[in-house]
Amino acid sequence: ETEPVDWNPGSRREPRSSFAAPDAMTVLPIDVRVAQLPRGDTTLLVVFVPGLPDDTTRLTARGYPPVPDRRVHTDSTVRRGLFALPLGEEGGVVGAHEPGARGPVTLPLPVGAYVVSVETLDPAARHAGRLREGVAIVDHPRDVATLSDLLPGRARGTLPGRLDDFLDDLTSSGLYAPGDTIRVGWELFGLGWTEERLDYALTLSEARGGFFSRLGRAVGFGGEARVVGLEWSEPGPDRTGAHFRATDLVVPADWQEGDYVLRLEMRSQGRGTLARDVAITLSRAATRR
C-alpha cells in the first residue's frame, strides 16, 4: 500500500507512466505549486494551472510517423483540472475542472491521504501536461491558530478582501522581474475566539545557496544577502472560521536575478510564531511575458 510520500519527487519510490493516454499523444510534466488552505476538518487545495508545457520530445521534428488518431473529445476546448484519488480507502476520484487555457482551480478535501493530479489538455494539439504528488490532509482544531500556504500573485488594482477576488491575481511560476510588485495572499484559521492583535513580518531575501556561497559571505566576499520587507500590526478576526488576507511587496529595481525566498511570519500575544515560505525567482525575462 502506498503512502503520500511515495508519490513525491525525491522519495524512494517515484511513479512512472508506462502508456500514452488515448486523447493525448504527448503527456509532459508541469511545474506548479498546490497550496493548502486549512479549514478545520477540510482543506481547500488551490493551484494555478499554467498553459501547456513545451513539447520537449520533439516528435514531429524527428520525423516520427503519425500515430493513429483516436480522439475521445468532440470539441477542441482546452481543459484544466485538479483531481484527487484517496489512498487505501473505497471511493473514486474527486475533482474540479475548468475550461480555458490557464487559470486557478480549487478543490476542497476532507481529512485523508491522496494522490493529487494537476492536469491540462489541448485536444486539438493532442498535447497534455500533468503533475502528480502525494498529499496528506490533517485535521486542524477550530481553536488552534493556523497559517495557510502562501499564494503568490501579481498586483492588479486594489487589494482584494476575499479569496475569490484574489484568484485572478494568482500565478504559477513564482517568476518576477526586479521592480515588480508581488501580491501575496494567505488565510488564517483558528482565530476569532477572543480579541487579539496580530503582528506580521513579510520579507523577501536571497536564497542562502550552497556551501561556497555561505562560506564566501562568512569571510567577507559576495556582500550581504539582500533583504527587503514589511512589518505591520492589525486586529485579529472578529469571528471564527477562515479569513483571507493579502498585501503587496515591491521588489527593488536594482536587485540581481536569482533565487529568493518570500517569508511571512505572524505573531500574537500568548501564541508562538507561525511562518510560511515560498520560493521566488527574479528574472528580467519576466517583463516580456
C-alpha atoms as a PDB file:
ATOM      1  CA  GLU A   1       0.000   0.000   0.000  1.00  0.00           C
ATOM      2  CA  THR A   2       1.438   3.365  -0.981  1.00  0.00           C
ATOM      3  CA  GLU A   3       1.714   6.452   1.191  1.00  0.00           C
ATOM      4  CA  PRO A   4       1.526  10.098   0.011  1.00  0.00           C
ATOM      5  CA  VAL A   5       5.331  10.465   0.238  1.00  0.00           C
ATOM      6  CA  ASP A   6       5.781   7.628  -2.273  1.00  0.00           C
ATOM      7  CA  TRP A   7       4.266   9.819  -4.982  1.00  0.00           C
ATOM      8  CA  ASN A   8       6.538  12.823  -4.488  1.00  0.00           C
ATOM      9  CA  PRO A   9       9.791  13.553  -6.363  1.00  0.00           C
ATOM     10  CA  GLY A  10      12.838  12.735  -4.277  1.00  0.00           C
ATOM     11  CA  SER A  11      11.160   9.957  -2.323  1.00  0.00           C
ATOM     12  CA  ARG A  12      12.468   6.402  -2.511  1.00  0.00           C
ATOM     13  CA  ARG A  13       9.737   5.476  -4.991  1.00  0.00           C
ATOM     14  CA  GLU A  14       8.574   7.584  -7.906  1.00  0.00           C
ATOM     15  CA  PRO A  15       5.572   6.883 -10.143  1.00  0.00           C
ATOM     16  CA  ARG A  16       6.141   6.408 -13.844  1.00  0.00           C
ATOM     17  CA  SER A  17       3.652   6.267 -16.687  1.00  0.00           C
ATOM     18  CA  SER A  18       4.023   3.225 -18.921  1.00  0.00           C
ATOM     19  CA  PHE A  19       1.390   4.097 -21.523  1.00  0.00           C
ATOM     20  CA  ALA A  20       0.166   7.061 -23.533  1.00  0.00           C
ATOM     21  CA  ALA A  21      -3.323   8.381 -22.916  1.00  0.00           C
ATOM     22  CA  PRO A  22      -5.543   7.860 -25.982  1.00  0.00           C
ATOM     23  CA  ASP A  23      -6.556  11.521 -26.075  1.00  0.00           C
ATOM     24  CA  ALA A  24      -3.022  12.963 -25.842  1.00  0.00           C
ATOM     25  CA  MET A  25      -0.009  11.757 -27.811  1.00  0.00           C
ATOM     26  CA  THR A  26       2.379  13.637 -25.516  1.00  0.00           C
ATOM     27  CA  VAL A  27       1.987  13.969 -21.717  1.00  0.00           C
ATOM     28  CA  LEU A  28       4.692  16.097 -20.111  1.00  0.00           C
ATOM     29  CA  PRO A  29       5.359  17.219 -16.513  1.00  0.00           C
ATOM     30  CA  ILE A  30       4.244  20.683 -15.419  1.00  0.00           C
ATOM     31  CA  ASP A  31       5.828  22.719 -12.633  1.00  0.00           C
ATOM     32  CA  VAL A  32       3.115  24.029 -10.297  1.00  0.00           C
ATOM     33  CA  ARG A  33       2.520  24.523  -6.579  1.00  0.00           C
ATOM     34  CA  VAL A  34      -0.526  23.017  -4.905  1.00  0.00           C
ATOM     35  CA  ALA A  35      -1.273  25.266  -1.906  1.00  0.00           C
ATOM     36  CA  GLN A  36      -3.192  24.057   1.151  1.00  0.00           C
ATOM     37  CA  LEU A  37      -5.649  26.335   2.960  1.00  0.00           C
ATOM     38  CA  PRO A  38      -6.724  24.526   6.174  1.00  0.00           C
ATOM     39  CA  ARG A  39     -10.343  24.928   7.240  1.00  0.00           C
ATOM     40  CA  GLY A  40     -10.829  22.555  10.167  1.00  0.00           C
ATOM     41  CA  ASP A  41     -11.759  19.039   9.076  1.00  0.00           C
ATOM     42  CA  THR A  42     -11.371  20.012   5.407  1.00  0.00           C
ATOM     43  CA  THR A  43      -8.592  21.714   3.464  1.00  0.00           C
ATOM     44  CA  LEU A  44      -9.007  23.752   0.304  1.00  0.00           C
ATOM     45  CA  LEU A  45      -6.411  22.963  -2.363  1.00  0.00           C
ATOM     46  CA  VAL A  46      -5.584  25.886  -4.662  1.00  0.00           C
ATOM     47  CA  VAL A  47      -3.458  25.677  -7.797  1.00  0.00           C
ATOM     48  CA  PHE A  48      -2.841  27.916 -10.785  1.00  0.00           C
ATOM     49  CA  VAL A  49      -2.790  25.619 -13.810  1.00  0.00           C
ATOM     50  CA  PRO A  50      -0.477  27.064 -16.466  1.00  0.00           C
ATOM     51  CA  GLY A  51      -0.673  26.645 -20.205  1.00  0.00           C
ATOM     52  CA  LEU A  52       0.722  23.574 -21.901  1.00  0.00           C
ATOM     53  CA  PRO A  53       4.428  22.863 -21.370  1.00  0.00           C
ATOM     54  CA  ASP A  54       6.742  22.875 -24.350  1.00  0.00           C
ATOM     55  CA  ASP A  55       6.878  19.567 -26.234  1.00  0.00           C
ATOM     56  CA  THR A  56      10.447  18.605 -25.366  1.00  0.00           C
ATOM     57  CA  THR A  57      10.043  15.209 -27.069  1.00  0.00           C
ATOM     58  CA  ARG A  58      10.245  16.929 -30.499  1.00  0.00           C
ATOM     59  CA  LEU A  59       8.420  14.021 -32.096  1.00  0.00           C
ATOM     60  CA  THR A  60       7.470  15.986 -35.186  1.00  0.00           C
ATOM     61  CA  ALA A  61      10.969  17.368 -35.728  1.00  0.00           C
ATOM     62  CA  ARG A  62      12.460  13.883 -35.545  1.00  0.00           C
ATOM     63  CA  GLY A  63      10.282  12.632 -38.358  1.00  0.00           C
ATOM     64  CA  TYR A  64       8.252  10.115 -36.363  1.00  0.00           C
ATOM     65  CA  PRO A  65       5.294   8.756 -38.321  1.00  0.00           C
ATOM     66  CA  PRO A  66       1.868   9.979 -37.205  1.00  0.00           C
ATOM     67  CA  VAL A  67       0.136   7.823 -34.620  1.00  0.00           C
ATOM     68  CA  PRO A  68      -3.463   6.695 -35.183  1.00  0.00           C
ATOM     69  CA  ASP A  69      -5.922   9.475 -34.363  1.00  0.00           C
ATOM     70  CA  ARG A  70      -8.098   8.089 -31.553  1.00  0.00           C
ATOM     71  CA  ARG A  71      -9.842  11.264 -30.453  1.00  0.00           C
ATOM     72  CA  VAL A  72     -12.188  10.879 -27.498  1.00  0.00           C
ATOM     73  CA  HIS A  73     -13.245  14.549 -27.332  1.00  0.00           C
ATOM     74  CA  THR A  74     -15.860  16.101 -29.567  1.00  0.00           C
ATOM     75  CA  ASP A  75     -14.516  19.657 -29.298  1.00  0.00           C
ATOM     76  CA  SER A  76     -11.159  21.403 -29.101  1.00  0.00           C
ATOM     77  CA  THR A  77     -11.681  23.258 -25.798  1.00  0.00           C
ATOM     78  CA  VAL A  78      -8.533  23.413 -23.675  1.00  0.00           C
ATOM     79  CA  ARG A  79      -9.231  21.838 -20.294  1.00  0.00           C
ATOM     80  CA  ARG A  80      -7.506  22.046 -16.926  1.00  0.00           C
ATOM     81  CA  GLY A  81      -8.309  20.290 -13.706  1.00  0.00           C
ATOM     82  CA  LEU A  82      -7.352  19.275 -10.182  1.00  0.00           C
ATOM     83  CA  PHE A  83      -8.164  15.715  -9.116  1.00  0.00           C
ATOM     84  CA  ALA A  84      -7.632  13.582  -6.008  1.00  0.00           C
ATOM     85  CA  LEU A  85      -7.662   9.813  -5.505  1.00  0.00           C
ATOM     86  CA  PRO A  86      -7.999   8.593  -1.873  1.00  0.00           C
ATOM     87  CA  LEU A  87      -5.300   6.106  -0.834  1.00  0.00           C
ATOM     88  CA  GLY A  88      -6.267   2.951   0.986  1.00  0.00           C
ATOM     89  CA  GLU A  89      -9.992   3.745   1.005  1.00  0.00           C
ATOM     90  CA  GLU A  90     -13.028   2.898  -1.030  1.00  0.00           C
ATOM     91  CA  GLY A  91     -14.153   5.628  -3.368  1.00  0.00           C
ATOM     92  CA  GLY A  92     -13.334   7.069  -6.726  1.00  0.00           C
ATOM     93  CA  VAL A  93     -11.556  10.128  -7.985  1.00  0.00           C
ATOM     94  CA  VAL A  94     -12.927  13.538  -6.977  1.00  0.00           C
ATOM     95  CA  GLY A  95     -12.001  16.695  -8.792  1.00  0.00           C
ATOM     96  CA  ALA A  96     -12.692  20.106 -10.211  1.00  0.00           C
ATOM     97  CA  HIS A  97     -12.087  21.227 -13.772  1.00  0.00           C
ATOM     98  CA  GLU A  98     -12.377  24.452 -15.730  1.00  0.00           C
ATOM     99  CA  PRO A  99     -12.366  25.324 -19.423  1.00  0.00           C
ATOM    100  CA  GLY A 100      -9.750  27.702 -20.747  1.00  0.00           C
ATOM    101  CA  ALA A 101      -6.055  27.836 -21.459  1.00  0.00           C
ATOM    102  CA  ARG A 102      -4.911  28.613 -17.895  1.00  0.00           C
ATOM    103  CA  GLY A 103      -6.056  29.828 -14.515  1.00  0.00           C
ATOM    104  CA  PRO A 104      -6.799  28.844 -10.904  1.00  0.00           C
ATOM    105  CA  VAL A 105      -8.659  25.709  -9.822  1.00  0.00           C
ATOM    106  CA  THR A 106      -9.750  24.893  -6.254  1.00  0.00           C
ATOM    107  CA  LEU A 107     -10.767  21.600  -4.632  1.00  0.00           C
ATOM    108  CA  PRO A 108     -11.901  21.011  -1.006  1.00  0.00           C
ATOM    109  CA  LEU A 109     -10.777  17.704   0.511  1.00  0.00           C
ATOM    110  CA  PRO A 110     -11.659  16.020   3.822  1.00  0.00           C
ATOM    111  CA  VAL A 111      -9.023  14.530   6.130  1.00  0.00           C
ATOM    112  CA  GLY A 112      -7.167  11.671   4.463  1.00  0.00           C
ATOM    113  CA  ALA A 113      -4.279  10.633   2.226  1.00  0.00           C
ATOM    114  CA  TYR A 114      -4.483  11.286  -1.502  1.00  0.00           C
ATOM    115  CA  VAL A 115      -2.695  11.202  -4.801  1.00  0.00           C
ATOM    116  CA  VAL A 116      -3.371  14.627  -6.321  1.00  0.00           C
ATOM    117  CA  SER A 117      -3.140  15.226 -10.064  1.00  0.00           C
ATOM    118  CA  VAL A 118      -2.979  18.639 -11.751  1.00  0.00           C
ATOM    119  CA  GLU A 119      -3.776  18.262 -15.448  1.00  0.00           C
ATOM    120  CA  THR A 120      -4.161  20.352 -18.582  1.00  0.00           C
ATOM    121  CA  LEU A 121      -5.136  19.117 -22.046  1.00  0.00           C
ATOM    122  CA  ASP A 122      -5.349  20.585 -25.540  1.00  0.00           C
ATOM    123  CA  PRO A 123      -7.403  18.089 -27.584  1.00  0.00           C
ATOM    124  CA  ALA A 124      -6.586  19.755 -30.894  1.00  0.00           C
ATOM    125  CA  ALA A 125      -2.834  19.552 -30.290  1.00  0.00           C
ATOM    126  CA  ARG A 126      -3.103  16.129 -28.608  1.00  0.00           C
ATOM    127  CA  HIS A 127      -0.737  17.523 -26.018  1.00  0.00           C
ATOM    128  CA  ALA A 128      -1.168  17.421 -22.231  1.00  0.00           C
ATOM    129  CA  GLY A 129       0.658  18.376 -19.050  1.00  0.00           C
ATOM    130  CA  ARG A 130       0.418  16.732 -15.651  1.00  0.00           C
ATOM    131  CA  LEU A 131       1.746  16.867 -12.105  1.00  0.00           C
ATOM    132  CA  ARG A 132       1.085  14.082  -9.599  1.00  0.00           C
ATOM    133  CA  GLU A 133       2.037  14.191  -5.931  1.00  0.00           C
ATOM    134  CA  GLY A 134       1.025  12.734  -2.608  1.00  0.00           C
ATOM    135  CA  VAL A 135      -0.916  14.945  -0.215  1.00  0.00           C
ATOM    136  CA  ALA A 136      -1.854  14.243   3.416  1.00  0.00           C
ATOM    137  CA  ILE A 137      -4.816  16.279   4.710  1.00  0.00           C
ATOM    138  CA  VAL A 138      -4.875  16.524   8.513  1.00  0.00           C
ATOM    139  CA  ASP A 139      -7.485  17.826  10.927  1.00  0.00           C
ATOM    140  CA  HIS A 140      -6.958  21.378  12.216  1.00  0.00           C
ATOM    141  CA  PRO A 141      -8.741  22.161  15.519  1.00  0.00           C
ATOM    142  CA  ARG A 142     -11.049  25.148  15.226  1.00  0.00           C
ATOM    143  CA  ASP A 143      -9.426  26.869  18.236  1.00  0.00           C
ATOM    144  CA  VAL A 144      -5.766  26.443  17.194  1.00  0.00           C
ATOM    145  CA  ALA A 145      -4.241  29.231  15.095  1.00  0.00           C
ATOM    146  CA  THR A 146      -3.206  28.055  11.622  1.00  0.00           C
ATOM    147  CA  LEU A 147      -1.486  29.906   8.792  1.00  0.00           C
ATOM    148  CA  SER A 148      -2.099  28.606   5.276  1.00  0.00           C
ATOM    149  CA  ASP A 149       0.422  28.221   2.485  1.00  0.00           C
ATOM    150  CA  LEU A 150       1.296  31.455   0.718  1.00  0.00           C
ATOM    151  CA  LEU A 151      -0.327  32.307  -2.612  1.00  0.00           C
ATOM    152  CA  PRO A 152       1.978  34.492  -4.748  1.00  0.00           C
ATOM    153  CA  GLY A 153       0.348  36.640  -7.389  1.00  0.00           C
ATOM    154  CA  ARG A 154       0.636  39.777  -9.483  1.00  0.00           C
ATOM    155  CA  ALA A 155      -0.587  43.147  -8.240  1.00  0.00           C
ATOM    156  CA  ARG A 156      -3.556  44.355 -10.274  1.00  0.00           C
ATOM    157  CA  GLY A 157      -5.846  47.056  -8.945  1.00  0.00           C
ATOM    158  CA  THR A 158      -6.719  47.336  -5.266  1.00  0.00           C
ATOM    159  CA  LEU A 159      -6.012  44.653  -2.692  1.00  0.00           C
ATOM    160  CA  PRO A 160      -8.786  42.031  -2.670  1.00  0.00           C
ATOM    161  CA  GLY A 161     -10.673  41.297   0.517  1.00  0.00           C
ATOM    162  CA  ARG A 162     -11.842  37.801  -0.472  1.00  0.00           C
ATOM    163  CA  LEU A 163     -10.069  34.712  -1.763  1.00  0.00           C
ATOM    164  CA  ASP A 164     -12.401  34.501  -4.768  1.00  0.00           C
ATOM    165  CA  ASP A 165     -11.406  38.022  -5.796  1.00  0.00           C
ATOM    166  CA  PHE A 166      -7.706  37.198  -5.403  1.00  0.00           C
ATOM    167  CA  LEU A 167      -7.675  34.086  -7.602  1.00  0.00           C
ATOM    168  CA  ASP A 168      -7.421  36.096 -10.817  1.00  0.00           C
ATOM    169  CA  ASP A 169      -4.152  37.574  -9.470  1.00  0.00           C
ATOM    170  CA  LEU A 170      -2.676  34.127  -8.728  1.00  0.00           C
ATOM    171  CA  THR A 171       0.354  32.920 -10.700  1.00  0.00           C
ATOM    172  CA  SER A 172       2.015  29.552 -11.006  1.00  0.00           C
ATOM    173  CA  SER A 173       5.665  30.163 -11.770  1.00  0.00           C
ATOM    174  CA  GLY A 174       6.814  32.443  -8.939  1.00  0.00           C
ATOM    175  CA  LEU A 175       8.712  34.345 -11.641  1.00  0.00           C
ATOM    176  CA  TYR A 176       9.078  38.122 -11.256  1.00  0.00           C
ATOM    177  CA  ALA A 177      11.324  40.878 -12.583  1.00  0.00           C
ATOM    178  CA  PRO A 178      13.268  43.377 -10.456  1.00  0.00           C
ATOM    179  CA  GLY A 179      10.943  46.318  -9.834  1.00  0.00           C
ATOM    180  CA  ASP A 180       7.782  44.176  -9.923  1.00  0.00           C
ATOM    181  CA  THR A 181       5.176  44.248  -7.163  1.00  0.00           C
ATOM    182  CA  ILE A 182       4.494  40.836  -5.629  1.00  0.00           C
ATOM    183  CA  ARG A 183       0.959  40.337  -4.367  1.00  0.00           C
ATOM    184  CA  VAL A 184       0.791  37.602  -1.739  1.00  0.00           C
ATOM    185  CA  GLY A 185      -2.367  36.127  -0.227  1.00  0.00           C
ATOM    186  CA  TRP A 186      -2.966  33.742   2.672  1.00  0.00           C
ATOM    187  CA  GLU A 187      -5.662  32.519   5.035  1.00  0.00           C
ATOM    188  CA  LEU A 188      -5.891  32.386   8.825  1.00  0.00           C
ATOM    189  CA  PHE A 189      -7.847  29.720  10.630  1.00  0.00           C
ATOM    190  CA  GLY A 190      -8.450  29.045  14.329  1.00  0.00           C
ATOM    191  CA  LEU A 191      -8.717  32.693  15.432  1.00  0.00           C
ATOM    192  CA  GLY A 192     -11.679  34.918  16.302  1.00  0.00           C
ATOM    193  CA  TRP A 193     -12.487  33.429  19.692  1.00  0.00           C
ATOM    194  CA  THR A 194     -11.050  36.397  21.592  1.00  0.00           C
ATOM    195  CA  GLU A 195      -9.924  39.915  20.753  1.00  0.00           C
ATOM    196  CA  GLU A 196      -6.235  39.990  19.909  1.00  0.00           C
ATOM    197  CA  ARG A 197      -3.713  41.914  17.855  1.00  0.00           C
ATOM    198  CA  LEU A 198      -1.622  40.263  15.147  1.00  0.00           C
ATOM    199  CA  ASP A 199       1.940  41.295  14.273  1.00  0.00           C
ATOM    200  CA  TYR A 200       3.143  40.489  10.764  1.00  0.00           C
ATOM    201  CA  ALA A 201       6.558  40.481   9.097  1.00  0.00           C
ATOM    202  CA  LEU A 202       6.866  39.838   5.350  1.00  0.00           C
ATOM    203  CA  THR A 203      10.376  39.538   3.912  1.00  0.00           C
ATOM    204  CA  LEU A 204      11.926  38.762   0.538  1.00  0.00           C
ATOM    205  CA  SER A 205      15.539  37.592   0.818  1.00  0.00           C
ATOM    206  CA  GLU A 206      18.174  35.897  -1.278  1.00  0.00           C
ATOM    207  CA  ALA A 207      18.183  32.130  -1.082  1.00  0.00           C
ATOM    208  CA  ARG A 208      21.117  31.035   1.031  1.00  0.00           C
ATOM    209  CA  GLY A 209      22.616  29.000  -1.799  1.00  0.00           C
ATOM    210  CA  GLY A 210      25.205  26.282  -1.419  1.00  0.00           C
ATOM    211  CA  PHE A 211      28.141  25.812   0.911  1.00  0.00           C
ATOM    212  CA  PHE A 212      30.554  28.019  -1.033  1.00  0.00           C
ATOM    213  CA  SER A 213      28.044  30.899  -1.238  1.00  0.00           C
ATOM    214  CA  ARG A 214      27.610  30.842   2.538  1.00  0.00           C
ATOM    215  CA  LEU A 215      31.368  30.497   3.062  1.00  0.00           C
ATOM    216  CA  GLY A 216      32.008  33.486   0.788  1.00  0.00           C
ATOM    217  CA  ARG A 217      29.683  35.699   2.819  1.00  0.00           C
ATOM    218  CA  ALA A 218      31.231  34.476   6.069  1.00  0.00           C
ATOM    219  CA  VAL A 219      34.734  35.570   5.008  1.00  0.00           C
ATOM    220  CA  GLY A 220      33.582  38.857   3.513  1.00  0.00           C
ATOM    221  CA  PHE A 221      33.138  38.026  -0.165  1.00  0.00           C
ATOM    222  CA  GLY A 222      29.924  38.446  -2.106  1.00  0.00           C
ATOM    223  CA  GLY A 223      28.419  41.096   0.165  1.00  0.00           C
ATOM    224  CA  GLU A 224      25.468  40.802   2.467  1.00  0.00           C
ATOM    225  CA  ALA A 225      22.387  38.875   1.410  1.00  0.00           C
ATOM    226  CA  ARG A 226      19.681  41.185   0.049  1.00  0.00           C
ATOM    227  CA  VAL A 227      16.577  41.551   2.207  1.00  0.00           C
ATOM    228  CA  VAL A 228      13.505  43.755   1.839  1.00  0.00           C
ATOM    229  CA  GLY A 229      10.382  43.576   3.948  1.00  0.00           C
ATOM    230  CA  LEU A 230       7.318  44.996   5.647  1.00  0.00           C
ATOM    231  CA  GLU A 231       6.150  44.935   9.255  1.00  0.00           C
ATOM    232  CA  TRP A 232       2.692  45.866  10.457  1.00  0.00           C
ATOM    233  CA  SER A 233       0.047  45.136  13.091  1.00  0.00           C
ATOM    234  CA  GLU A 234      -3.694  44.716  12.718  1.00  0.00           C
ATOM    235  CA  PRO A 235      -6.641  43.474  14.792  1.00  0.00           C
ATOM    236  CA  GLY A 236      -7.330  39.774  14.651  1.00  0.00           C
ATOM    237  CA  PRO A 237     -10.533  38.495  13.047  1.00  0.00           C
ATOM    238  CA  ASP A 238     -13.747  39.218  14.917  1.00  0.00           C
ATOM    239  CA  ARG A 239     -15.337  35.861  14.075  1.00  0.00           C
ATOM    240  CA  THR A 240     -14.203  32.259  13.757  1.00  0.00           C
ATOM    241  CA  GLY A 241     -13.571  30.423  10.515  1.00  0.00           C
ATOM    242  CA  ALA A 242     -11.257  31.059   7.554  1.00  0.00           C
ATOM    243  CA  HIS A 243     -10.102  34.638   6.986  1.00  0.00           C
ATOM    244  CA  PHE A 244      -8.319  35.775   3.822  1.00  0.00           C
ATOM    245  CA  ARG A 245      -5.625  38.450   3.866  1.00  0.00           C
ATOM    246  CA  ALA A 246      -3.348  39.930   1.191  1.00  0.00           C
ATOM    247  CA  THR A 247      -0.642  42.550   0.818  1.00  0.00           C
ATOM    248  CA  ASP A 248       1.820  43.852  -1.789  1.00  0.00           C
ATOM    249  CA  LEU A 249       5.606  43.958  -1.651  1.00  0.00           C
ATOM    250  CA  VAL A 250       7.740  45.905  -4.154  1.00  0.00           C
ATOM    251  CA  VAL A 251      10.934  44.235  -5.361  1.00  0.00           C
ATOM    252  CA  PRO A 252      13.815  46.751  -5.576  1.00  0.00           C
ATOM    253  CA  ALA A 253      14.555  47.563  -9.218  1.00  0.00           C
ATOM    254  CA  ASP A 254      18.334  47.215  -8.730  1.00  0.00           C
ATOM    255  CA  TRP A 255      18.223  43.647  -7.415  1.00  0.00           C
ATOM    256  CA  GLN A 256      20.025  40.935  -9.340  1.00  0.00           C
ATOM    257  CA  GLU A 257      18.401  37.952 -10.989  1.00  0.00           C
ATOM    258  CA  GLY A 258      18.366  34.761  -8.967  1.00  0.00           C
ATOM    259  CA  ASP A 259      16.517  32.669  -6.406  1.00  0.00           C
ATOM    260  CA  TYR A 260      14.798  34.289  -3.423  1.00  0.00           C
ATOM    261  CA  VAL A 261      12.541  33.280  -0.538  1.00  0.00           C
ATOM    262  CA  LEU A 262       9.314  35.081   0.357  1.00  0.00           C
ATOM    263  CA  ARG A 263       8.542  34.528   4.067  1.00  0.00           C
ATOM    264  CA  LEU A 264       5.542  35.559   6.142  1.00  0.00           C
ATOM    265  CA  GLU A 265       5.631  35.461   9.955  1.00  0.00           C
ATOM    266  CA  MET A 266       2.631  36.082  12.209  1.00  0.00           C
ATOM    267  CA  ARG A 267       2.835  36.624  15.963  1.00  0.00           C
ATOM    268  CA  SER A 268       0.274  37.356  18.656  1.00  0.00           C
ATOM    269  CA  GLN A 269       0.428  37.553  22.433  1.00  0.00           C
ATOM    270  CA  GLY A 270       0.382  34.137  24.063  1.00  0.00           C
ATOM    271  CA  ARG A 271       0.993  32.255  20.805  1.00  0.00           C
ATOM    272  CA  GLY A 272       4.090  31.004  19.071  1.00  0.00           C
ATOM    273  CA  THR A 273       5.250  32.473  15.769  1.00  0.00           C
ATOM    274  CA  LEU A 274       3.619  30.991  12.678  1.00  0.00           C
ATOM    275  CA  ALA A 275       5.592  31.175   9.419  1.00  0.00           C
ATOM    276  CA  ARG A 276       5.307  30.124   5.790  1.00  0.00           C
ATOM    277  CA  ASP A 277       7.830  30.320   2.930  1.00  0.00           C
ATOM    278  CA  VAL A 278       7.540  30.227  -0.845  1.00  0.00           C
ATOM    279  CA  ALA A 279      10.295  30.262  -3.467  1.00  0.00           C
ATOM    280  CA  ILE A 280      10.521  33.263  -5.819  1.00  0.00           C
ATOM    281  CA  THR A 281      12.745  33.697  -8.883  1.00  0.00           C
ATOM    282  CA  LEU A 282      13.789  37.098 -10.213  1.00  0.00           C
ATOM    283  CA  SER A 283      14.447  37.272 -13.954  1.00  0.00           C
ATOM    284  CA  ARG A 284      14.410  40.255 -16.287  1.00  0.00           C
ATOM    285  CA  ALA A 285      12.820  37.972 -18.874  1.00  0.00           C
ATOM    286  CA  ALA A 286       9.648  38.101 -16.731  1.00  0.00           C
ATOM    287  CA  THR A 287       8.991  41.628 -18.033  1.00  0.00           C
ATOM    288  CA  ARG A 288       8.454  40.208 -21.517  1.00  0.00           C
ATOM    289  CA  ARG A 289       5.613  37.880 -20.521  1.00  0.00           C
END
